[in-house]
Amino acid sequence: MNRPHRYRVIQSRKTNYSVPIVLKRGETVTIGEEYKEKNTRKGWIWCETSEKKCWVPYQIIEKQDERHGKLKEEYIATELNVDKDDSIEAEKELNGWVWGRNVNKNEYGWVPLEILEKEDR
């Protein structure tokens, strides 16, 4: 069995989104623009439901037409608050971000790869 990659946080980061959005598998979304400002969100698409709005990785959207899609899997938009030298156990890497567990705080969420460094094991 493969062990997850482990990363060390090299720069502290606080999220701008205190209330994470959860989208369910099969949920229909209205598809907006692809993120274009920074490489950290390349491959992320702005999506909306009647109640929610957030960036979603394009890989988990099954397009129905040009403006609508369904989610192929559940998506949790939690971004972790991390401190320098925290350890992140990665479960998934997508579009410049890691979904994983902050080992120091036992919290799960997304962290940008640009502030992480692979740990030697």
PDB file of N, CA and C in Angstrom:
ATOM      1  N   MET A   1       0.840  -1.186   0.000  1.00  0.00           N
ATOM      2  CA  MET A   1       0.000   0.000   0.000  1.00  0.00           C
ATOM      3  C   MET A   1       0.883   1.247   0.000  1.00  0.00           C
ATOM      4  N   ASN A   2       0.568   2.200  -0.863  1.00  0.00           N
ATOM      5  CA  ASN A   2       1.338   3.438  -0.941  1.00  0.00           C
ATOM      6  C   ASN A   2       1.008   4.359   0.221  1.00  0.00           C
ATOM      7  N   ARG A   3       2.059   4.938   0.769  1.00  0.00           N
ATOM      8  CA  ARG A   3       1.843   5.933   1.822  1.00  0.00           C
ATOM      9  C   ARG A   3       1.624   7.289   1.169  1.00  0.00           C
ATOM     10  N   PRO A   4       0.784   8.122   1.774  1.00  0.00           N
ATOM     11  CA  PRO A   4       0.552   9.450   1.192  1.00  0.00           C
ATOM     12  C   PRO A   4       1.831  10.285   1.236  1.00  0.00           C
ATOM     13  N   HIS A   5       1.942  11.219   0.283  1.00  0.00           N
ATOM     14  CA  HIS A   5       3.056  12.168   0.331  1.00  0.00           C
ATOM     15  C   HIS A   5       2.884  13.046   1.555  1.00  0.00           C
ATOM     16  N   ARG A   6       4.007  13.454   2.086  1.00  0.00           N
ATOM     17  CA  ARG A   6       3.963  14.362   3.217  1.00  0.00           C
ATOM     18  C   ARG A   6       4.711  15.635   2.835  1.00  0.00           C
ATOM     19  N   TYR A   7       4.119  16.768   3.203  1.00  0.00           N
ATOM     20  CA  TYR A   7       4.695  18.068   2.890  1.00  0.00           C
ATOM     21  C   TYR A   7       4.896  18.865   4.166  1.00  0.00           C
ATOM     22  N   ARG A   8       5.877  19.770   4.115  1.00  0.00           N
ATOM     23  CA  ARG A   8       6.100  20.727   5.193  1.00  0.00           C
ATOM     24  C   ARG A   8       5.684  22.097   4.671  1.00  0.00           C
ATOM     25  N   VAL A   9       4.951  22.836   5.486  1.00  0.00           N
ATOM     26  CA  VAL A   9       4.525  24.189   5.121  1.00  0.00           C
ATOM     27  C   VAL A   9       5.727  25.120   5.260  1.00  0.00           C
ATOM     28  N   ILE A  10       6.036  25.862   4.184  1.00  0.00           N
ATOM     29  CA  ILE A  10       7.186  26.770   4.215  1.00  0.00           C
ATOM     30  C   ILE A  10       6.772  28.237   4.386  1.00  0.00           C
ATOM     31  N   GLN A  11       5.462  28.479   4.355  1.00  0.00           N
ATOM     32  CA  GLN A  11       4.949  29.849   4.553  1.00  0.00           C
ATOM     33  C   GLN A  11       3.553  29.768   5.158  1.00  0.00           C
ATOM     34  N   SER A  12       3.344  30.450   6.262  1.00  0.00           N
ATOM     35  CA  SER A  12       2.016  30.464   6.897  1.00  0.00           C
ATOM     36  C   SER A  12       0.987  31.060   5.946  1.00  0.00           C
ATOM     37  N   ARG A  13      -0.263  30.600   6.091  1.00  0.00           N
ATOM     38  CA  ARG A  13      -1.345  31.101   5.230  1.00  0.00           C
ATOM     39  C   ARG A  13      -2.667  31.004   5.975  1.00  0.00           C
ATOM     40  N   LYS A  14      -3.451  32.060   5.870  1.00  0.00           N
ATOM     41  CA  LYS A  14      -4.805  32.080   6.439  1.00  0.00           C
ATOM     42  C   LYS A  14      -5.798  32.167   5.293  1.00  0.00           C
ATOM     43  N   THR A  15      -6.866  31.394   5.379  1.00  0.00           N
ATOM     44  CA  THR A  15      -7.873  31.389   4.323  1.00  0.00           C
ATOM     45  C   THR A  15      -8.720  32.653   4.350  1.00  0.00           C
ATOM     46  N   ASN A  16      -9.227  33.021   3.195  1.00  0.00           N
ATOM     47  CA  ASN A  16     -10.177  34.132   3.091  1.00  0.00           C
ATOM     48  C   ASN A  16     -11.611  33.641   3.193  1.00  0.00           C
ATOM     49  N   TYR A  17     -11.785  32.320   3.230  1.00  0.00           N
ATOM     50  CA  TYR A  17     -13.125  31.718   3.216  1.00  0.00           C
ATOM     51  C   TYR A  17     -13.356  30.959   4.520  1.00  0.00           C
ATOM     52  N   SER A  18     -14.036  31.582   5.461  1.00  0.00           N
ATOM     53  CA  SER A  18     -14.211  30.968   6.781  1.00  0.00           C
ATOM     54  C   SER A  18     -15.328  29.931   6.817  1.00  0.00           C
ATOM     55  N   VAL A  19     -16.271  30.004   5.871  1.00  0.00           N
ATOM     56  CA  VAL A  19     -17.376  29.041   5.831  1.00  0.00           C
ATOM     57  C   VAL A  19     -17.231  28.206   4.558  1.00  0.00           C
ATOM     58  N   PRO A  20     -16.722  26.976   4.684  1.00  0.00           N
ATOM     59  CA  PRO A  20     -16.494  26.163   3.488  1.00  0.00           C
ATOM     60  C   PRO A  20     -17.789  25.706   2.835  1.00  0.00           C
ATOM     61  N   ILE A  21     -17.746  25.617   1.527  1.00  0.00           N
ATOM     62  CA  ILE A  21     -18.886  25.162   0.737  1.00  0.00           C
ATOM     63  C   ILE A  21     -18.717  23.682   0.444  1.00  0.00           C
ATOM     64  N   VAL A  22     -19.813  22.937   0.515  1.00  0.00           N
ATOM     65  CA  VAL A  22     -19.807  21.513   0.173  1.00  0.00           C
ATOM     66  C   VAL A  22     -20.781  21.307  -0.974  1.00  0.00           C
ATOM     67  N   LEU A  23     -20.298  20.692  -2.049  1.00  0.00           N
ATOM     68  CA  LEU A  23     -21.143  20.334  -3.186  1.00  0.00           C
ATOM     69  C   LEU A  23     -21.207  18.815  -3.251  1.00  0.00           C
ATOM     70  N   LYS A  24     -22.394  18.288  -3.426  1.00  0.00           N
ATOM     71  CA  LYS A  24     -22.609  16.836  -3.428  1.00  0.00           C
ATOM     72  C   LYS A  24     -22.384  16.240  -4.816  1.00  0.00           C
ATOM     73  N   ARG A  25     -22.006  14.988  -4.839  1.00  0.00           N
ATOM     74  CA  ARG A  25     -21.885  14.247  -6.096  1.00  0.00           C
ATOM     75  C   ARG A  25     -23.239  14.286  -6.810  1.00  0.00           C
ATOM     76  N   GLY A  26     -23.234  14.584  -8.107  1.00  0.00           N
ATOM     77  CA  GLY A  26     -24.465  14.652  -8.877  1.00  0.00           C
ATOM     78  C   GLY A  26     -25.152  16.003  -8.852  1.00  0.00           C
ATOM     79  N   GLU A  27     -24.676  16.911  -7.999  1.00  0.00           N
ATOM     80  CA  GLU A  27     -25.282  18.245  -7.915  1.00  0.00           C
ATOM     81  C   GLU A  27     -25.013  19.018  -9.210  1.00  0.00           C
ATOM     82  N   THR A  28     -26.033  19.719  -9.695  1.00  0.00           N
ATOM     83  CA  THR A  28     -25.912  20.515 -10.915  1.00  0.00           C
ATOM     84  C   THR A  28     -25.388  21.904 -10.574  1.00  0.00           C
ATOM     85  N   VAL A  29     -24.431  22.376 -11.378  1.00  0.00           N
ATOM     86  CA  VAL A  29     -23.857  23.704 -11.177  1.00  0.00           C
ATOM     87  C   VAL A  29     -23.919  24.489 -12.484  1.00  0.00           C
ATOM     88  N   THR A  30     -23.983  25.809 -12.342  1.00  0.00           N
ATOM     89  CA  THR A  30     -23.828  26.705 -13.483  1.00  0.00           C
ATOM     90  C   THR A  30     -22.346  27.024 -13.584  1.00  0.00           C
ATOM     91  N   ILE A  31     -21.780  26.810 -14.758  1.00  0.00           N
ATOM     92  CA  ILE A  31     -20.343  26.961 -14.961  1.00  0.00           C
ATOM     93  C   ILE A  31     -20.032  28.380 -15.416  1.00  0.00           C
ATOM     94  N   GLY A  32     -19.063  28.993 -14.739  1.00  0.00           N
ATOM     95  CA  GLY A  32     -18.627  30.338 -15.098  1.00  0.00           C
ATOM     96  C   GLY A  32     -17.264  30.315 -15.765  1.00  0.00           C
ATOM     97  N   GLU A  33     -16.474  31.324 -15.472  1.00  0.00           N
ATOM     98  CA  GLU A  33     -15.158  31.495 -16.081  1.00  0.00           C
ATOM     99  C   GLU A  33     -14.094  30.655 -15.384  1.00  0.00           C
ATOM    100  N   GLU A  34     -13.055  30.311 -16.143  1.00  0.00           N
ATOM    101  CA  GLU A  34     -11.883  29.656 -15.558  1.00  0.00           C
ATOM    102  C   GLU A  34     -11.032  30.726 -14.889  1.00  0.00           C
ATOM    103  N   TYR A  35     -10.413  30.378 -13.756  1.00  0.00           N
ATOM    104  CA  TYR A  35      -9.556  31.313 -13.028  1.00  0.00           C
ATOM    105  C   TYR A  35      -8.339  31.632 -13.882  1.00  0.00           C
ATOM    106  N   LYS A  36      -8.012  32.911 -14.037  1.00  0.00           N
ATOM    107  CA  LYS A  36      -6.921  33.295 -14.930  1.00  0.00           C
ATOM    108  C   LYS A  36      -5.871  34.187 -14.290  1.00  0.00           C
ATOM    109  N   GLU A  37      -6.071  34.641 -13.075  1.00  0.00           N
ATOM    110  CA  GLU A  37      -5.166  35.628 -12.486  1.00  0.00           C
ATOM    111  C   GLU A  37      -3.821  35.068 -12.044  1.00  0.00           C
ATOM    112  N   LYS A  38      -3.825  33.899 -11.410  1.00  0.00           N
ATOM    113  CA  LYS A  38      -2.598  33.325 -10.856  1.00  0.00           C
ATOM    114  C   LYS A  38      -2.535  31.845 -11.182  1.00  0.00           C
ATOM    115  N   ASN A  39      -1.339  31.325 -11.288  1.00  0.00           N
ATOM    116  CA  ASN A  39      -1.182  29.897 -11.573  1.00  0.00           C
ATOM    117  C   ASN A  39      -1.708  28.998 -10.467  1.00  0.00           C
ATOM    118  N   THR A  40      -1.863  29.514  -9.252  1.00  0.00           N
ATOM    119  CA  THR A  40      -2.304  28.653  -8.151  1.00  0.00           C
ATOM    120  C   THR A  40      -3.722  28.141  -8.331  1.00  0.00           C
ATOM    121  N   ARG A  41      -4.497  28.758  -9.197  1.00  0.00           N
ATOM    122  CA  ARG A  41      -5.865  28.285  -9.428  1.00  0.00           C
ATOM    123  C   ARG A  41      -6.101  27.922 -10.894  1.00  0.00           C
ATOM    124  N   LYS A  42      -5.047  27.694 -11.644  1.00  0.00           N
ATOM    125  CA  LYS A  42      -5.214  27.255 -13.034  1.00  0.00           C
ATOM    126  C   LYS A  42      -5.931  25.912 -13.023  1.00  0.00           C
ATOM    127  N   GLY A  43      -6.969  25.798 -13.849  1.00  0.00           N
ATOM    128  CA  GLY A  43      -7.747  24.562 -13.875  1.00  0.00           C
ATOM    129  C   GLY A  43      -8.938  24.580 -12.930  1.00  0.00           C
ATOM    130  N   TRP A  44      -9.186  25.723 -12.300  1.00  0.00           N
ATOM    131  CA  TRP A  44     -10.329  25.873 -11.404  1.00  0.00           C
ATOM    132  C   TRP A  44     -11.391  26.704 -12.114  1.00  0.00           C
ATOM    133  N   ILE A  45     -12.640  26.285 -12.010  1.00  0.00           N
ATOM    134  CA  ILE A  45     -13.761  26.918 -12.692  1.00  0.00           C
ATOM    135  C   ILE A  45     -14.724  27.494 -11.648  1.00  0.00           C
ATOM    136  N   TRP A  46     -15.191  28.723 -11.878  1.00  0.00           N
ATOM    137  CA  TRP A  46     -16.177  29.341 -10.988  1.00  0.00           C
ATOM    138  C   TRP A  46     -17.523  28.672 -11.232  1.00  0.00           C
ATOM    139  N   CYS A  47     -18.118  28.120 -10.183  1.00  0.00           N
ATOM    140  CA  CYS A  47     -19.403  27.423 -10.296  1.00  0.00           C
ATOM    141  C   CYS A  47     -20.396  27.997  -9.292  1.00  0.00           C
ATOM    142  N   GLU A  48     -21.668  27.927  -9.671  1.00  0.00           N
ATOM    143  CA  GLU A  48     -22.732  28.429  -8.801  1.00  0.00           C
ATOM    144  C   GLU A  48     -23.894  27.453  -8.787  1.00  0.00           C
ATOM    145  N   THR A  49     -24.546  27.376  -7.617  1.00  0.00           N
ATOM    146  CA  THR A  49     -25.846  26.721  -7.497  1.00  0.00           C
ATOM    147  C   THR A  49     -26.806  27.823  -7.056  1.00  0.00           C
ATOM    148  N   SER A  50     -28.032  27.473  -6.754  1.00  0.00           N
ATOM    149  CA  SER A  50     -28.972  28.507  -6.298  1.00  0.00           C
ATOM    150  C   SER A  50     -28.554  29.091  -4.951  1.00  0.00           C
ATOM    151  N   GLU A  51     -27.738  28.356  -4.193  1.00  0.00           N
ATOM    152  CA  GLU A  51     -27.359  28.802  -2.845  1.00  0.00           C
ATOM    153  C   GLU A  51     -25.863  28.986  -2.635  1.00  0.00           C
ATOM    154  N   LYS A  52     -25.026  28.464  -3.540  1.00  0.00           N
ATOM    155  CA  LYS A  52     -23.583  28.428  -3.291  1.00  0.00           C
ATOM    156  C   LYS A  52     -22.799  28.917  -4.500  1.00  0.00           C
ATOM    157  N   LYS A  53     -21.595  29.461  -4.223  1.00  0.00           N
ATOM    158  CA  LYS A  53     -20.669  29.895  -5.270  1.00  0.00           C
ATOM    159  C   LYS A  53     -19.257  29.564  -4.812  1.00  0.00           C
ATOM    160  N   CYS A  54     -18.451  28.954  -5.691  1.00  0.00           N
ATOM    161  CA  CYS A  54     -17.067  28.667  -5.321  1.00  0.00           C
ATOM    162  C   CYS A  54     -16.267  28.201  -6.537  1.00  0.00           C
ATOM    163  N   TRP A  55     -14.952  28.152  -6.363  1.00  0.00           N
ATOM    164  CA  TRP A  55     -14.052  27.600  -7.371  1.00  0.00           C
ATOM    165  C   TRP A  55     -14.050  26.086  -7.237  1.00  0.00           C
ATOM    166  N   VAL A  56     -14.139  25.389  -8.376  1.00  0.00           N
ATOM    167  CA  VAL A  56     -14.206  23.923  -8.398  1.00  0.00           C
ATOM    168  C   VAL A  56     -13.189  23.422  -9.424  1.00  0.00           C
ATOM    169  N   PRO A  57     -12.439  22.349  -9.127  1.00  0.00           N
ATOM    170  CA  PRO A  57     -11.521  21.800 -10.125  1.00  0.00           C
ATOM    171  C   PRO A  57     -12.295  21.250 -11.327  1.00  0.00           C
ATOM    172  N   TYR A  58     -11.860  21.634 -12.532  1.00  0.00           N
ATOM    173  CA  TYR A  58     -12.603  21.234 -13.734  1.00  0.00           C
ATOM    174  C   TYR A  58     -12.693  19.719 -13.887  1.00  0.00           C
ATOM    175  N   GLN A  59     -11.724  18.976 -13.348  1.00  0.00           N
ATOM    176  CA  GLN A  59     -11.700  17.518 -13.508  1.00  0.00           C
ATOM    177  C   GLN A  59     -12.897  16.816 -12.875  1.00  0.00           C
ATOM    178  N   ILE A  60     -13.546  17.453 -11.924  1.00  0.00           N
ATOM    179  CA  ILE A  60     -14.662  16.774 -11.252  1.00  0.00           C
ATOM    180  C   ILE A  60     -16.021  17.242 -11.761  1.00  0.00           C
ATOM    181  N   ILE A  61     -16.012  18.023 -12.859  1.00  0.00           N
ATOM    182  CA  ILE A  61     -17.267  18.497 -13.455  1.00  0.00           C
ATOM    183  C   ILE A  61     -17.530  17.737 -14.748  1.00  0.00           C
ATOM    184  N   GLU A  62     -18.693  17.134 -14.836  1.00  0.00           N
ATOM    185  CA  GLU A  62     -19.141  16.501 -16.076  1.00  0.00           C
ATOM    186  C   GLU A  62     -20.043  17.508 -16.778  1.00  0.00           C
ATOM    187  N   LYS A  63     -19.541  18.065 -17.882  1.00  0.00           N
ATOM    188  CA  LYS A  63     -20.312  19.104 -18.580  1.00  0.00           C
ATOM    189  C   LYS A  63     -21.577  18.523 -19.182  1.00  0.00           C
ATOM    190  N   GLN A  64     -22.690  19.232 -18.981  1.00  0.00           N
ATOM    191  CA  GLN A  64     -23.976  18.888 -19.589  1.00  0.00           C
ATOM    192  C   GLN A  64     -24.157  19.687 -20.879  1.00  0.00           C
ATOM    193  N   ASP A  65     -23.734  20.957 -20.824  1.00  0.00           N
ATOM    194  CA  ASP A  65     -23.699  21.857 -21.980  1.00  0.00           C
ATOM    195  C   ASP A  65     -22.674  22.937 -21.645  1.00  0.00           C
ATOM    196  N   GLU A  66     -22.616  23.999 -22.411  1.00  0.00           N
ATOM    197  CA  GLU A  66     -21.600  25.042 -22.201  1.00  0.00           C
ATOM    198  C   GLU A  66     -21.699  25.732 -20.845  1.00  0.00           C
ATOM    199  N   ARG A  67     -22.869  25.795 -20.256  1.00  0.00           N
ATOM    200  CA  ARG A  67     -23.070  26.551 -19.014  1.00  0.00           C
ATOM    201  C   ARG A  67     -23.436  25.706 -17.807  1.00  0.00           C
ATOM    202  N   HIS A  68     -23.631  24.402 -17.983  1.00  0.00           N
ATOM    203  CA  HIS A  68     -24.079  23.570 -16.864  1.00  0.00           C
ATOM    204  C   HIS A  68     -23.283  22.274 -16.793  1.00  0.00           C
ATOM    205  N   GLY A  69     -23.142  21.789 -15.574  1.00  0.00           N
ATOM    206  CA  GLY A  69     -22.458  20.524 -15.361  1.00  0.00           C
ATOM    207  C   GLY A  69     -22.933  19.867 -14.083  1.00  0.00           C
ATOM    208  N   LYS A  70     -22.541  18.601 -13.927  1.00  0.00           N
ATOM    209  CA  LYS A  70     -22.830  17.857 -12.696  1.00  0.00           C
ATOM    210  C   LYS A  70     -21.514  17.431 -12.075  1.00  0.00           C
ATOM    211  N   LEU A  71     -21.498  17.400 -10.756  1.00  0.00           N
ATOM    212  CA  LEU A  71     -20.288  16.989 -10.069  1.00  0.00           C
ATOM    213  C   LEU A  71     -20.132  15.474 -10.104  1.00  0.00           C
ATOM    214  N   LYS A  72     -18.925  15.018 -10.472  1.00  0.00           N
ATOM    215  CA  LYS A  72     -18.619  13.587 -10.537  1.00  0.00           C
ATOM    216  C   LYS A  72     -18.358  13.014  -9.146  1.00  0.00           C
ATOM    217  N   GLU A  73     -18.019  13.885  -8.203  1.00  0.00           N
ATOM    218  CA  GLU A  73     -17.731  13.466  -6.827  1.00  0.00           C
ATOM    219  C   GLU A  73     -18.036  14.624  -5.892  1.00  0.00           C
ATOM    220  N   GLU A  74     -18.122  14.317  -4.608  1.00  0.00           N
ATOM    221  CA  GLU A  74     -18.332  15.376  -3.622  1.00  0.00           C
ATOM    222  C   GLU A  74     -17.132  16.316  -3.632  1.00  0.00           C
ATOM    223  N   TYR A  75     -17.389  17.597  -3.438  1.00  0.00           N
ATOM    224  CA  TYR A  75     -16.319  18.582  -3.364  1.00  0.00           C
ATOM    225  C   TYR A  75     -16.506  19.425  -2.113  1.00  0.00           C
ATOM    226  N   ILE A  76     -15.461  19.473  -1.300  1.00  0.00           N
ATOM    227  CA  ILE A  76     -15.462  20.270  -0.074  1.00  0.00           C
ATOM    228  C   ILE A  76     -14.433  21.377  -0.268  1.00  0.00           C
ATOM    229  N   ALA A  77     -14.873  22.625  -0.186  1.00  0.00           N
ATOM    230  CA  ALA A  77     -14.016  23.771  -0.512  1.00  0.00           C
ATOM    231  C   ALA A  77     -13.246  24.313   0.695  1.00  0.00           C
ATOM    232  N   THR A  78     -12.998  23.503   1.689  1.00  0.00           N
ATOM    233  CA  THR A  78     -12.266  23.950   2.874  1.00  0.00           C
ATOM    234  C   THR A  78     -10.812  24.245   2.523  1.00  0.00           C
ATOM    235  N   GLU A  79     -10.366  25.465   2.807  1.00  0.00           N
ATOM    236  CA  GLU A  79      -8.955  25.817   2.697  1.00  0.00           C
ATOM    237  C   GLU A  79      -8.400  25.872   4.112  1.00  0.00           C
ATOM    238  N   LEU A  80      -7.270  25.211   4.327  1.00  0.00           N
ATOM    239  CA  LEU A  80      -6.693  25.149   5.666  1.00  0.00           C
ATOM    240  C   LEU A  80      -5.937  26.417   6.031  1.00  0.00           C
ATOM    241  N   ASN A  81      -6.064  26.812   7.286  1.00  0.00           N
ATOM    242  CA  ASN A  81      -5.149  27.777   7.876  1.00  0.00           C
ATOM    243  C   ASN A  81      -3.928  26.973   8.299  1.00  0.00           C
ATOM    244  N   VAL A  82      -2.749  27.386   7.835  1.00  0.00           N
ATOM    245  CA  VAL A  82      -1.537  26.634   8.154  1.00  0.00           C
ATOM    246  C   VAL A  82      -0.464  27.566   8.685  1.00  0.00           C
ATOM    247  N   ASP A  83       0.386  27.003   9.528  1.00  0.00           N
ATOM    248  CA  ASP A  83       1.524  27.728  10.072  1.00  0.00           C
ATOM    249  C   ASP A  83       2.808  27.139   9.505  1.00  0.00           C
ATOM    250  N   LYS A  84       3.828  27.974   9.413  1.00  0.00           N
ATOM    251  CA  LYS A  84       5.120  27.502   8.931  1.00  0.00           C
ATOM    252  C   LYS A  84       5.544  26.281   9.747  1.00  0.00           C
ATOM    253  N   ASP A  85       6.049  25.267   9.054  1.00  0.00           N
ATOM    254  CA  ASP A  85       6.532  24.001   9.614  1.00  0.00           C
ATOM    255  C   ASP A  85       5.429  23.012   9.971  1.00  0.00           C
ATOM    256  N   ASP A  86       4.151  23.353   9.739  1.00  0.00           N
ATOM    257  CA  ASP A  86       3.100  22.334   9.868  1.00  0.00           C
ATOM    258  C   ASP A  86       3.388  21.227   8.866  1.00  0.00           C
ATOM    259  N   SER A  87       2.906  20.037   9.164  1.00  0.00           N
ATOM    260  CA  SER A  87       3.078  18.883   8.289  1.00  0.00           C
ATOM    261  C   SER A  87       1.732  18.523   7.667  1.00  0.00           C
ATOM    262  N   ILE A  88       1.711  18.369   6.324  1.00  0.00           N
ATOM    263  CA  ILE A  88       0.486  18.052   5.589  1.00  0.00           C
ATOM    264  C   ILE A  88       0.626  16.669   4.966  1.00  0.00           C
ATOM    265  N   GLU A  89      -0.303  15.790   5.276  1.00  0.00           N
ATOM    266  CA  GLU A  89      -0.358  14.456   4.680  1.00  0.00           C
ATOM    267  C   GLU A  89      -1.332  14.526   3.504  1.00  0.00           C
ATOM    268  N   ALA A  90      -0.797  14.471   2.277  1.00  0.00           N
ATOM    269  CA  ALA A  90      -1.598  14.691   1.068  1.00  0.00           C
ATOM    270  C   ALA A  90      -2.384  13.450   0.682  1.00  0.00           C
ATOM    271  N   GLU A  91      -3.658  13.650   0.353  1.00  0.00           N
ATOM    272  CA  GLU A  91      -4.500  12.577  -0.178  1.00  0.00           C
ATOM    273  C   GLU A  91      -4.738  12.757  -1.668  1.00  0.00           C
ATOM    274  N   LYS A  92      -4.706  14.024  -2.131  1.00  0.00           N
ATOM    275  CA  LYS A  92      -5.004  14.317  -3.535  1.00  0.00           C
ATOM    276  C   LYS A  92      -4.296  15.610  -3.923  1.00  0.00           C
ATOM    277  N   GLU A  93      -3.788  15.651  -5.156  1.00  0.00           N
ATOM    278  CA  GLU A  93      -3.224  16.877  -5.716  1.00  0.00           C
ATOM    279  C   GLU A  93      -4.006  17.228  -6.968  1.00  0.00           C
ATOM    280  N   LEU A  94      -4.469  18.467  -7.046  1.00  0.00           N
ATOM    281  CA  LEU A  94      -5.213  18.942  -8.214  1.00  0.00           C
ATOM    282  C   LEU A  94      -4.889  20.399  -8.494  1.00  0.00           C
ATOM    283  N   ASN A  95      -4.454  20.679  -9.695  1.00  0.00           N
ATOM    284  CA  ASN A  95      -4.342  22.052 -10.186  1.00  0.00           C
ATOM    285  C   ASN A  95      -3.592  22.984  -9.240  1.00  0.00           C
ATOM    286  N   GLY A  96      -2.455  22.530  -8.739  1.00  0.00           N
ATOM    287  CA  GLY A  96      -1.631  23.383  -7.892  1.00  0.00           C
ATOM    288  C   GLY A  96      -2.030  23.430  -6.427  1.00  0.00           C
ATOM    289  N   TRP A  97      -2.946  22.558  -6.032  1.00  0.00           N
ATOM    290  CA  TRP A  97      -3.387  22.492  -4.637  1.00  0.00           C
ATOM    291  C   TRP A  97      -3.328  21.051  -4.139  1.00  0.00           C
ATOM    292  N   VAL A  98      -3.206  20.898  -2.829  1.00  0.00           N
ATOM    293  CA  VAL A  98      -3.193  19.587  -2.178  1.00  0.00           C
ATOM    294  C   VAL A  98      -4.382  19.504  -1.234  1.00  0.00           C
ATOM    295  N   TRP A  99      -5.134  18.390  -1.326  1.00  0.00           N
ATOM    296  CA  TRP A  99      -6.158  18.087  -0.324  1.00  0.00           C
ATOM    297  C   TRP A  99      -5.497  17.119   0.643  1.00  0.00           C
ATOM    298  N   GLY A 100      -5.516  17.455   1.922  1.00  0.00           N
ATOM    299  CA  GLY A 100      -4.886  16.566   2.881  1.00  0.00           C
ATOM    300  C   GLY A 100      -5.189  16.953   4.308  1.00  0.00           C
ATOM    301  N   ARG A 101      -4.453  16.293   5.194  1.00  0.00           N
ATOM    302  CA  ARG A 101      -4.643  16.485   6.634  1.00  0.00           C
ATOM    303  C   ARG A 101      -3.460  17.245   7.203  1.00  0.00           C
ATOM    304  N   ASN A 102      -3.765  18.303   7.948  1.00  0.00           N
ATOM    305  CA  ASN A 102      -2.732  18.986   8.708  1.00  0.00           C
ATOM    306  C   ASN A 102      -2.477  18.117   9.935  1.00  0.00           C
ATOM    307  N   VAL A 103      -1.348  17.437   9.946  1.00  0.00           N
ATOM    308  CA  VAL A 103      -1.019  16.485  11.010  1.00  0.00           C
ATOM    309  C   VAL A 103      -0.946  17.192  12.359  1.00  0.00           C
ATOM    310  N   ASN A 104      -0.480  18.430  12.381  1.00  0.00           N
ATOM    311  CA  ASN A 104      -0.329  19.175  13.632  1.00  0.00           C
ATOM    312  C   ASN A 104      -1.664  19.540  14.270  1.00  0.00           C
ATOM    313  N   LYS A 105      -2.689  19.772  13.437  1.00  0.00           N
ATOM    314  CA  LYS A 105      -3.987  20.227  13.946  1.00  0.00           C
ATOM    315  C   LYS A 105      -5.108  19.225  13.710  1.00  0.00           C
ATOM    316  N   ASN A 106      -4.801  18.129  13.018  1.00  0.00           N
ATOM    317  CA  ASN A 106      -5.783  17.099  12.663  1.00  0.00           C
ATOM    318  C   ASN A 106      -7.007  17.705  11.963  1.00  0.00           C
ATOM    319  N   GLU A 107      -6.734  18.556  10.963  1.00  0.00           N
ATOM    320  CA  GLU A 107      -7.785  19.185  10.163  1.00  0.00           C
ATOM    321  C   GLU A 107      -7.546  18.850   8.695  1.00  0.00           C
ATOM    322  N   TYR A 108      -8.642  18.703   7.940  1.00  0.00           N
ATOM    323  CA  TYR A 108      -8.565  18.390   6.513  1.00  0.00           C
ATOM    324  C   TYR A 108      -8.952  19.598   5.677  1.00  0.00           C
ATOM    325  N   GLY A 109      -8.287  19.752   4.520  1.00  0.00           N
ATOM    326  CA  GLY A 109      -8.633  20.825   3.606  1.00  0.00           C
ATOM    327  C   GLY A 109      -7.592  20.988   2.519  1.00  0.00           C
ATOM    328  N   TRP A 110      -7.758  22.051   1.736  1.00  0.00           N
ATOM    329  CA  TRP A 110      -6.882  22.369   0.614  1.00  0.00           C
ATOM    330  C   TRP A 110      -5.784  23.332   1.045  1.00  0.00           C
ATOM    331  N   VAL A 111      -4.571  23.119   0.493  1.00  0.00           N
ATOM    332  CA  VAL A 111      -3.426  24.001   0.718  1.00  0.00           C
ATOM    333  C   VAL A 111      -2.729  24.189  -0.633  1.00  0.00           C
ATOM    334  N   PRO A 112      -2.342  25.429  -1.001  1.00  0.00           N
ATOM    335  CA  PRO A 112      -1.646  25.613  -2.276  1.00  0.00           C
ATOM    336  C   PRO A 112      -0.248  24.989  -2.250  1.00  0.00           C
ATOM    337  N   LEU A 113       0.091  24.295  -3.335  1.00  0.00           N
ATOM    338  CA  LEU A 113       1.402  23.649  -3.440  1.00  0.00           C
ATOM    339  C   LEU A 113       2.551  24.644  -3.332  1.00  0.00           C
ATOM    340  N   GLU A 114       2.323  25.881  -3.741  1.00  0.00           N
ATOM    341  CA  GLU A 114       3.409  26.865  -3.751  1.00  0.00           C
ATOM    342  C   GLU A 114       3.951  27.179  -2.357  1.00  0.00           C
ATOM    343  N   ILE A 115       3.222  26.820  -1.300  1.00  0.00           N
ATOM    344  CA  ILE A 115       3.733  27.066   0.057  1.00  0.00           C
ATOM    345  C   ILE A 115       4.125  25.764   0.748  1.00  0.00           C
ATOM    346  N   LEU A 116       4.266  24.688  -0.039  1.00  0.00           N
ATOM    347  CA  LEU A 116       4.617  23.379   0.512  1.00  0.00           C
ATOM    348  C   LEU A 116       5.941  22.885  -0.060  1.00  0.00           C
ATOM    349  N   GLU A 117       6.614  22.069   0.746  1.00  0.00           N
ATOM    350  CA  GLU A 117       7.856  21.428   0.328  1.00  0.00           C
ATOM    351  C   GLU A 117       7.761  19.962   0.735  1.00  0.00           C
ATOM    352  N   LYS A 118       8.095  19.045  -0.191  1.00  0.00           N
ATOM    353  CA  LYS A 118       8.022  17.617   0.140  1.00  0.00           C
ATOM    354  C   LYS A 118       8.979  17.297   1.273  1.00  0.00           C
ATOM    355  N   GLU A 119       8.492  16.496   2.219  1.00  0.00           N
ATOM    356  CA  GLU A 119       9.331  16.049   3.332  1.00  0.00           C
ATOM    357  C   GLU A 119      10.045  14.771   2.937  1.00  0.00           C
ATOM    358  N   ASP A 120      11.257  14.604   3.423  1.00  0.00           N
ATOM    359  CA  ASP A 120      11.962  13.331   3.262  1.00  0.00           C
ATOM    360  C   ASP A 120      11.453  12.386   4.322  1.00  0.00           C
ATOM    361  N   ARG A 121      11.318  11.125   3.940  1.00  0.00           N
ATOM    362  CA  ARG A 121      10.834  10.147   4.927  1.00  0.00           C
ATOM    363  C   ARG A 121      11.921   9.187   5.272  1.00  0.00           C
TER     364      ARG A 121
END
